[in-house]
Amino acid sequence: MKPVQKVLLYTGLLLVLGLVFAMYTRPDFVMTLANQVWGCF
């Protein structure tokens, strides 16, 4: 893997992780997710 590809991969992964963590700061999203998980049981 070339160094440029590795940097782009890590940057993309950090961006995705940042967006996921940002969604958890929204209480309505967390409640919707919890209700969907609870609905599976």
N, C-alpha and C. Protein backbone atom coordinates (compact mmCIF):
# COMPACT_ATOMS: atom_id res chain seq x y z
N MET A 1 0.84 -1.18 0.00
CA MET A 1 0.00 0.00 0.00
C MET A 1 0.89 1.24 0.00
N LYS A 2 0.59 2.17 -0.88
CA LYS A 2 1.39 3.38 -0.98
C LYS A 2 1.10 4.30 0.21
N PRO A 3 2.06 5.12 0.60
CA PRO A 3 1.85 6.03 1.73
C PRO A 3 0.68 6.99 1.52
N VAL A 4 0.47 7.44 0.29
CA VAL A 4 -0.64 8.35 0.02
C VAL A 4 -1.98 7.64 0.23
N GLN A 5 -2.07 6.40 -0.21
CA GLN A 5 -3.30 5.63 -0.02
C GLN A 5 -3.57 5.39 1.46
N LYS A 6 -2.51 5.13 2.21
CA LYS A 6 -2.66 4.88 3.64
C LYS A 6 -3.18 6.14 4.35
N VAL A 7 -2.64 7.29 3.99
CA VAL A 7 -3.08 8.55 4.60
C VAL A 7 -4.54 8.82 4.26
N LEU A 8 -4.93 8.58 3.01
CA LEU A 8 -6.33 8.79 2.61
C LEU A 8 -7.26 7.82 3.33
N LEU A 9 -6.83 6.59 3.49
CA LEU A 9 -7.64 5.60 4.20
C LEU A 9 -7.86 6.01 5.65
N TYR A 10 -6.78 6.38 6.33
CA TYR A 10 -6.89 6.79 7.73
C TYR A 10 -7.71 8.05 7.89
N THR A 11 -7.57 8.98 6.96
CA THR A 11 -8.36 10.21 7.01
C THR A 11 -9.85 9.90 6.84
N GLY A 12 -10.17 9.01 5.91
CA GLY A 12 -11.56 8.61 5.71
C GLY A 12 -12.14 7.91 6.93
N LEU A 13 -11.35 7.03 7.53
CA LEU A 13 -11.83 6.33 8.73
C LEU A 13 -12.05 7.29 9.89
N LEU A 14 -11.15 8.24 10.07
CA LEU A 14 -11.33 9.23 11.13
C LEU A 14 -12.56 10.10 10.88
N LEU A 15 -12.83 10.43 9.64
CA LEU A 15 -14.00 11.22 9.31
C LEU A 15 -15.28 10.45 9.63
N VAL A 16 -15.32 9.18 9.27
CA VAL A 16 -16.50 8.36 9.56
C VAL A 16 -16.70 8.22 11.07
N LEU A 17 -15.62 7.96 11.80
CA LEU A 17 -15.73 7.84 13.25
C LEU A 17 -16.20 9.14 13.89
N GLY A 18 -15.69 10.25 13.39
CA GLY A 18 -16.11 11.56 13.91
C GLY A 18 -17.58 11.81 13.67
N LEU A 19 -18.08 11.43 12.50
CA LEU A 19 -19.50 11.61 12.22
C LEU A 19 -20.37 10.72 13.11
N VAL A 20 -19.93 9.50 13.36
CA VAL A 20 -20.69 8.60 14.23
C VAL A 20 -20.73 9.16 15.65
N PHE A 21 -19.60 9.61 16.16
CA PHE A 21 -19.59 10.19 17.51
C PHE A 21 -20.41 11.46 17.57
N ALA A 22 -20.44 12.26 16.50
CA ALA A 22 -21.23 13.48 16.48
C ALA A 22 -22.73 13.16 16.53
N MET A 23 -23.14 12.05 15.90
CA MET A 23 -24.55 11.68 15.94
C MET A 23 -25.00 11.33 17.35
N TYR A 24 -24.10 10.80 18.16
CA TYR A 24 -24.47 10.43 19.52
C TYR A 24 -24.69 11.64 20.42
N THR A 25 -24.34 12.84 19.97
CA THR A 25 -24.61 14.04 20.77
C THR A 25 -26.05 14.51 20.57
N ARG A 26 -26.78 13.89 19.65
CA ARG A 26 -28.17 14.25 19.40
C ARG A 26 -29.07 13.24 20.12
N PRO A 27 -29.78 13.70 21.16
CA PRO A 27 -30.61 12.78 21.95
C PRO A 27 -31.70 12.09 21.13
N ASP A 28 -32.28 12.78 20.15
CA ASP A 28 -33.33 12.14 19.37
C ASP A 28 -32.79 10.97 18.54
N PHE A 29 -31.57 11.08 18.06
CA PHE A 29 -30.96 9.97 17.33
C PHE A 29 -30.72 8.78 18.25
N VAL A 30 -30.22 9.06 19.44
CA VAL A 30 -29.92 7.97 20.39
C VAL A 30 -31.21 7.25 20.78
N MET A 31 -32.29 8.01 21.02
CA MET A 31 -33.56 7.38 21.38
C MET A 31 -34.11 6.54 20.22
N THR A 32 -34.01 7.05 19.00
CA THR A 32 -34.48 6.29 17.84
C THR A 32 -33.69 4.99 17.69
N LEU A 33 -32.38 5.09 17.85
CA LEU A 33 -31.54 3.89 17.75
C LEU A 33 -31.88 2.89 18.84
N ALA A 34 -32.09 3.37 20.06
CA ALA A 34 -32.43 2.47 21.17
C ALA A 34 -33.78 1.79 20.93
N ASN A 35 -34.74 2.54 20.41
CA ASN A 35 -36.05 1.95 20.12
C ASN A 35 -35.97 0.91 19.02
N GLN A 36 -35.14 1.13 18.02
CA GLN A 36 -34.99 0.15 16.96
C GLN A 36 -34.31 -1.12 17.47
N VAL A 37 -33.31 -0.97 18.32
CA VAL A 37 -32.63 -2.15 18.88
C VAL A 37 -33.59 -2.91 19.79
N TRP A 38 -34.37 -2.18 20.60
CA TRP A 38 -35.32 -2.82 21.52
C TRP A 38 -36.42 -3.53 20.74
N GLY A 39 -36.78 -2.99 19.56
CA GLY A 39 -37.82 -3.61 18.74
C GLY A 39 -37.41 -4.97 18.18
N CYS A 40 -36.13 -5.25 18.15
CA CYS A 40 -35.66 -6.54 17.63
C CYS A 40 -35.96 -7.68 18.60
N PHE A 41 -36.21 -7.37 19.87
CA PHE A 41 -36.41 -8.42 20.88
C PHE A 41 -37.84 -8.54 21.16
